[in-house]
Amino acid sequence: MATASEWVEGLRLRTLAASVSPVLVGLGASWRVVAPNWGRAALALVVALGMQIGANFANDYSDGIRGADVARQGPQRLTASGAARPATVRNAALVSFTVAAAAGIALTIWTKQWWLIGIGALAIAAAWLYTGGRRPYGYRALGEVGVLIFFGLVPVVGTCYTQYLQVPWRAWVASAAMALMACAILMANNLRDITTDQQAGKITLAVKLGDQRARLVYAWEMWLALVIGALCAIGRLHVLIVLLMAVPVARLTSLVSSGAKGQDLVTVLRGTGQTELCFAILLGLALADLGLFQQ
């Protein structure tokens, strides 16, 4: 039976920034126009976290029963390591998705935007089919497509929309920045696992590109996200705050470009998540235009 610490490790806490960050940015984009509805924002955050945790457990389960996580360079997974039974991990994923669905339904009833239920259903399907089902798209170098949609576009635009039922152009643009940073998290993870994924028949985009090109794509994702974020705030002093993130981005991309492997890429993965969260906080404040940083 898995210990409490092993279950916490199974949550993959370092990846949760990818779900929190777009909600913060979407809230910032709406705050520019209308005062926040904190109840709706809290529900959006529960949806995002529930979906991310559910996806992590679903990935643990599906990769584990396929043998893709047996020889890992990073932290061991619950299913592959035998710490927890596959059915238990699968059920943890289903519980997480249920929590996300319940929060999503509550948000739908509150806003009376019934079509949001369809978006939620698509998100759950995408999370499960990433590594689950007969033909998981995460095994066909399409994982980044799911990340672009469900860790960028949907949470940023969705959070903004549920605040005041409109989406300003800055929210659409900012969603691209958050999507790219989320893709960088995935690339760092898959770059670390290229060899073991190849052996397990898991063809990620990193496997498809090869080591050197995957490192280049990681750098492009990080820098392009920063540039897009700066464009959202251009013309104001807030752009300087967003550009402060150039320091950690430069450090991470330099580490990856220099050939980091194994545990060094685990450090990159953690650092990328932390950078996305800090970037989201600064970008959210810039989008909100609260005047906090004006002279």
Protein backbone atom coordinates (compact mmCIF):
# COMPACT_ATOMS: atom_id res chain seq x y z
CA MET A 1 0.00 0.00 0.00
CA ALA A 2 1.32 3.42 -0.96
CA THR A 3 2.35 5.76 1.83
CA ALA A 4 1.02 9.29 2.21
CA SER A 5 4.28 10.71 0.87
CA GLU A 6 4.07 8.45 -2.18
CA TRP A 7 0.53 9.68 -2.89
CA VAL A 8 1.72 13.26 -2.55
CA GLU A 9 4.51 12.47 -5.02
CA GLY A 10 1.86 10.96 -7.30
CA LEU A 11 0.07 14.31 -7.33
CA ARG A 12 3.14 15.71 -9.17
CA LEU A 13 2.99 18.98 -7.28
CA ARG A 14 5.62 20.59 -9.52
CA THR A 15 3.19 20.38 -12.46
CA LEU A 16 0.22 22.03 -10.71
CA ALA A 17 1.47 25.49 -11.68
CA ALA A 18 0.26 24.65 -15.18
CA SER A 19 -3.34 24.57 -13.90
CA VAL A 20 -3.21 27.46 -11.41
CA SER A 21 -1.35 29.88 -13.70
CA PRO A 22 -3.91 30.24 -16.52
CA VAL A 23 -6.70 30.83 -14.02
CA LEU A 24 -4.70 33.71 -12.49
CA VAL A 25 -4.11 35.21 -15.93
CA GLY A 26 -7.77 34.86 -16.94
CA LEU A 27 -8.81 36.53 -13.70
CA GLY A 28 -6.34 39.36 -14.33
CA ALA A 29 -7.68 39.90 -17.84
CA SER A 30 -11.25 40.23 -16.56
CA TRP A 31 -10.23 42.38 -13.59
CA ARG A 32 -9.22 45.09 -16.05
CA VAL A 33 -12.93 45.55 -16.81
CA VAL A 34 -14.93 44.33 -13.82
CA ALA A 35 -14.29 43.63 -10.12
CA PRO A 36 -13.58 39.93 -9.51
CA ASN A 37 -16.29 37.52 -8.50
CA TRP A 38 -14.20 35.51 -6.06
CA GLY A 39 -16.72 32.68 -5.80
CA ARG A 40 -16.59 32.04 -9.53
CA ALA A 41 -12.82 32.38 -9.50
CA ALA A 42 -12.55 29.78 -6.72
CA LEU A 43 -14.73 27.34 -8.68
CA ALA A 44 -12.59 27.85 -11.79
CA LEU A 45 -9.50 27.09 -9.71
CA VAL A 46 -11.06 23.90 -8.32
CA VAL A 47 -11.92 22.81 -11.86
CA ALA A 48 -8.35 23.45 -13.03
CA LEU A 49 -6.70 21.68 -10.09
CA GLY A 50 -9.11 18.75 -10.19
CA MET A 51 -8.47 18.28 -13.90
CA GLN A 52 -4.69 18.48 -13.48
CA ILE A 53 -4.56 16.05 -10.56
CA GLY A 54 -6.95 13.72 -12.35
CA ALA A 55 -4.81 13.85 -15.48
CA ASN A 56 -1.68 13.11 -13.44
CA PHE A 57 -3.23 10.03 -11.82
CA ALA A 58 -4.74 8.90 -15.14
CA ASN A 59 -1.32 9.24 -16.76
CA ASP A 60 0.26 7.30 -13.88
CA TYR A 61 -2.32 4.53 -14.30
CA SER A 62 -2.25 4.25 -18.09
CA ASP A 63 1.51 4.54 -18.48
CA GLY A 64 1.98 2.08 -15.61
CA ILE A 65 -0.15 -0.68 -17.09
CA ARG A 66 1.52 -0.15 -20.48
CA GLY A 67 5.00 -0.44 -18.98
CA ALA A 68 6.05 3.07 -20.01
CA ASP A 69 7.14 4.13 -16.52
CA VAL A 70 9.17 1.09 -15.48
CA ALA A 71 12.66 2.56 -16.06
CA ARG A 72 12.24 6.21 -15.10
CA GLN A 73 14.93 8.80 -14.51
CA GLY A 74 12.54 10.94 -12.47
CA PRO A 75 10.43 10.16 -9.38
CA GLN A 76 8.80 6.73 -9.40
CA ARG A 77 5.12 6.47 -10.24
CA LEU A 78 2.53 4.74 -8.08
CA THR A 79 1.43 2.15 -10.63
CA ALA A 80 4.76 1.31 -12.25
CA SER A 81 6.58 1.02 -8.93
CA GLY A 82 3.90 -1.24 -7.46
CA ALA A 83 3.33 1.16 -4.57
CA ALA A 84 -0.40 1.21 -5.34
CA ARG A 85 -2.69 -1.11 -7.25
CA PRO A 86 -3.60 0.10 -10.75
CA ALA A 87 -7.31 0.14 -9.90
CA THR A 88 -6.65 2.35 -6.88
CA VAL A 89 -4.72 4.87 -8.96
CA ARG A 90 -7.43 4.80 -11.62
CA ASN A 91 -10.06 5.47 -8.97
CA ALA A 92 -8.03 8.40 -7.63
CA ALA A 93 -8.12 9.86 -11.14
CA LEU A 94 -11.89 9.36 -11.37
CA VAL A 95 -12.45 11.02 -7.99
CA SER A 96 -10.36 14.02 -9.07
CA PHE A 97 -12.31 14.33 -12.33
CA THR A 98 -15.56 14.09 -10.36
CA VAL A 99 -14.51 16.96 -8.10
CA ALA A 100 -13.59 19.03 -11.16
CA ALA A 101 -16.91 18.16 -12.83
CA ALA A 102 -18.91 19.11 -9.75
CA ALA A 103 -17.18 22.50 -9.53
CA GLY A 104 -17.68 22.98 -13.27
CA ILE A 105 -21.38 22.21 -13.04
CA ALA A 106 -21.74 24.65 -10.15
CA LEU A 107 -19.98 27.33 -12.21
CA THR A 108 -22.23 26.54 -15.17
CA ILE A 109 -25.39 26.89 -13.09
CA TRP A 110 -24.11 30.13 -11.59
CA THR A 111 -23.35 31.69 -14.98
CA LYS A 112 -26.23 29.95 -16.82
CA GLN A 113 -23.85 29.18 -19.67
CA TRP A 114 -24.89 25.56 -20.24
CA TRP A 115 -22.50 24.98 -23.13
CA LEU A 116 -19.65 25.01 -20.61
CA ILE A 117 -20.64 21.46 -19.65
CA GLY A 118 -19.61 20.33 -23.13
CA ILE A 119 -16.21 21.99 -22.75
CA GLY A 120 -15.76 20.24 -19.41
CA ALA A 121 -16.65 16.87 -20.91
CA LEU A 122 -14.11 17.41 -23.69
CA ALA A 123 -11.46 18.34 -21.12
CA ILE A 124 -12.03 15.14 -19.13
CA ALA A 125 -11.93 13.06 -22.32
CA ALA A 126 -8.71 14.76 -23.39
CA ALA A 127 -7.12 14.16 -19.98
CA TRP A 128 -8.00 10.47 -20.01
CA LEU A 129 -7.16 9.78 -23.64
CA TYR A 130 -3.74 11.46 -23.38
CA THR A 131 -2.25 8.12 -22.33
CA GLY A 132 -5.43 6.03 -21.95
CA GLY A 133 -7.65 4.19 -24.38
CA ARG A 134 -6.64 2.09 -27.34
CA ARG A 135 -4.84 4.85 -29.25
CA PRO A 136 -3.62 7.47 -26.76
CA TYR A 137 -2.73 10.70 -28.53
CA GLY A 138 0.13 11.32 -26.11
CA TYR A 139 1.83 8.30 -27.69
CA ARG A 140 1.49 9.86 -31.16
CA ALA A 141 3.38 13.12 -30.60
CA LEU A 142 0.12 15.04 -30.09
CA GLY A 143 0.36 15.74 -26.37
CA GLU A 144 1.26 19.38 -26.96
CA VAL A 145 -2.00 19.88 -28.86
CA GLY A 146 -3.98 18.93 -25.78
CA VAL A 147 -1.81 21.16 -23.60
CA LEU A 148 -2.23 24.16 -25.91
CA ILE A 149 -5.99 23.84 -25.73
CA PHE A 150 -6.62 22.74 -22.16
CA PHE A 151 -3.75 24.43 -20.30
CA GLY A 152 -3.81 27.65 -22.29
CA LEU A 153 -6.87 28.58 -24.31
CA VAL A 154 -9.63 26.97 -22.24
CA PRO A 155 -8.59 27.94 -18.69
CA VAL A 156 -7.51 31.52 -19.50
CA VAL A 157 -10.44 32.36 -21.76
CA GLY A 158 -12.86 30.28 -19.67
CA THR A 159 -11.92 31.95 -16.39
CA CYS A 160 -12.20 35.38 -17.98
CA TYR A 161 -15.53 34.56 -19.62
CA THR A 162 -17.15 33.21 -16.45
CA GLN A 163 -16.29 36.47 -14.69
CA TYR A 164 -18.30 38.79 -16.94
CA LEU A 165 -19.36 36.79 -20.01
CA GLN A 166 -16.96 38.55 -22.38
CA VAL A 167 -13.39 37.89 -23.50
CA PRO A 168 -11.12 40.88 -24.27
CA TRP A 169 -8.39 40.46 -26.86
CA ARG A 170 -5.69 40.45 -24.19
CA ALA A 171 -7.12 37.24 -22.73
CA TRP A 172 -6.89 35.48 -26.10
CA VAL A 173 -3.28 36.57 -26.57
CA ALA A 174 -2.29 35.81 -22.99
CA SER A 175 -3.74 32.30 -23.34
CA ALA A 176 -1.09 31.62 -26.00
CA ALA A 177 1.67 32.66 -23.59
CA MET A 178 0.40 30.34 -20.87
CA ALA A 179 -0.08 27.50 -23.36
CA LEU A 180 3.53 27.78 -24.50
CA MET A 181 4.89 27.68 -20.95
CA ALA A 182 2.72 24.66 -20.18
CA CYS A 183 4.10 23.01 -23.32
CA ALA A 184 7.61 23.78 -22.05
CA ILE A 185 6.81 21.87 -18.84
CA LEU A 186 5.70 18.90 -20.93
CA MET A 187 8.78 19.18 -23.17
CA ALA A 188 11.13 19.22 -20.16
CA ASN A 189 9.41 16.11 -18.81
CA ASN A 190 9.48 14.27 -22.14
CA LEU A 191 13.04 15.36 -22.92
CA ARG A 192 14.14 13.64 -19.73
CA ASP A 193 12.28 10.45 -20.72
CA ILE A 194 13.23 10.21 -24.41
CA THR A 195 15.16 6.94 -24.06
CA THR A 196 12.65 5.13 -21.84
CA ASP A 197 9.70 6.40 -23.88
CA GLN A 198 11.30 5.08 -27.07
CA GLN A 199 11.78 1.69 -25.46
CA ALA A 200 8.15 1.61 -24.35
CA GLY A 201 6.85 2.69 -27.77
CA LYS A 202 5.66 6.05 -26.45
CA ILE A 203 6.29 8.51 -29.29
CA THR A 204 6.17 11.96 -27.73
CA LEU A 205 7.06 15.12 -29.62
CA ALA A 206 10.45 15.05 -27.90
CA VAL A 207 11.04 11.53 -29.23
CA LYS A 208 9.89 12.60 -32.70
CA LEU A 209 12.18 15.65 -32.74
CA GLY A 210 15.19 14.03 -31.16
CA ASP A 211 17.25 15.33 -28.26
CA GLN A 212 18.83 18.43 -29.82
CA ARG A 213 15.76 19.75 -31.60
CA ALA A 214 13.60 19.09 -28.53
CA ARG A 215 15.96 21.29 -26.50
CA LEU A 216 15.66 24.03 -29.10
CA VAL A 217 11.87 23.82 -29.04
CA TYR A 218 11.88 24.13 -25.24
CA ALA A 219 13.89 27.36 -25.51
CA TRP A 220 11.57 28.74 -28.20
CA GLU A 221 8.50 27.93 -26.11
CA MET A 222 9.87 29.76 -23.07
CA TRP A 223 11.10 32.87 -24.88
CA LEU A 224 8.07 33.16 -27.15
CA ALA A 225 5.77 32.92 -24.13
CA LEU A 226 7.66 35.78 -22.52
CA VAL A 227 7.46 37.93 -25.66
CA ILE A 228 3.73 37.31 -26.05
CA GLY A 229 3.16 38.18 -22.41
CA ALA A 230 5.10 41.41 -22.83
CA LEU A 231 2.99 42.31 -25.87
CA CYS A 232 -0.15 42.05 -23.76
CA ALA A 233 1.21 44.72 -21.42
CA ILE A 234 3.08 46.87 -23.95
CA GLY A 235 2.77 50.63 -23.61
CA ARG A 236 2.73 50.49 -19.82
CA LEU A 237 5.33 50.25 -17.08
CA HIS A 238 3.93 46.82 -16.30
CA VAL A 239 5.85 45.41 -19.26
CA LEU A 240 9.04 45.87 -17.23
CA ILE A 241 7.68 43.56 -14.55
CA VAL A 242 6.86 40.86 -17.07
CA LEU A 243 10.33 41.17 -18.56
CA LEU A 244 11.86 40.48 -15.15
CA MET A 245 11.05 36.87 -15.94
CA ALA A 246 13.80 36.97 -18.57
CA VAL A 247 16.27 36.11 -15.81
CA PRO A 248 14.85 32.70 -14.82
CA VAL A 249 13.92 31.95 -18.44
CA ALA A 250 17.52 32.59 -19.51
CA ARG A 251 18.83 30.37 -16.72
CA LEU A 252 16.50 27.48 -17.58
CA THR A 253 16.98 27.63 -21.34
CA SER A 254 20.75 27.85 -20.88
CA LEU A 255 20.69 24.75 -18.68
CA VAL A 256 18.64 22.82 -21.23
CA SER A 257 20.72 24.02 -24.18
CA SER A 258 23.93 23.00 -22.44
CA GLY A 259 22.79 19.37 -22.43
CA ALA A 260 21.21 18.86 -19.00
CA LYS A 261 20.14 15.26 -18.41
CA GLY A 262 18.60 13.10 -15.71
CA GLN A 263 18.21 14.87 -12.38
CA ASP A 264 19.25 18.17 -13.95
CA LEU A 265 16.15 17.95 -16.14
CA VAL A 266 14.07 17.21 -13.04
CA THR A 267 15.40 20.52 -11.72
CA VAL A 268 14.47 22.17 -15.03
CA LEU A 269 10.97 20.71 -14.80
CA ARG A 270 10.51 22.09 -11.31
CA GLY A 271 11.99 25.44 -12.29
CA THR A 272 9.77 25.72 -15.36
CA GLY A 273 6.66 25.22 -13.25
CA GLN A 274 7.82 27.81 -10.74
CA THR A 275 8.65 30.23 -13.54
CA GLU A 276 5.22 29.80 -15.13
CA LEU A 277 3.53 30.55 -11.80
CA CYS A 278 5.61 33.69 -11.18
CA PHE A 279 5.06 34.79 -14.76
CA ALA A 280 1.30 34.26 -14.40
CA ILE A 281 1.16 36.38 -11.24
CA LEU A 282 3.05 39.25 -12.88
CA LEU A 283 1.15 38.98 -16.15
CA GLY A 284 -2.16 38.79 -14.31
CA LEU A 285 -1.36 41.98 -12.42
CA ALA A 286 -0.27 43.67 -15.64
CA LEU A 287 -3.50 42.66 -17.38
CA ALA A 288 -5.60 43.81 -14.43
CA ASP A 289 -4.01 47.27 -14.74
CA LEU A 290 -4.55 48.03 -11.05
CA GLY A 291 -1.98 50.80 -10.99
CA LEU A 292 0.00 48.98 -8.30
CA PHE A 293 3.31 49.52 -10.04
CA GLN A 294 2.87 52.95 -11.55
CA GLN A 295 4.97 55.85 -10.31
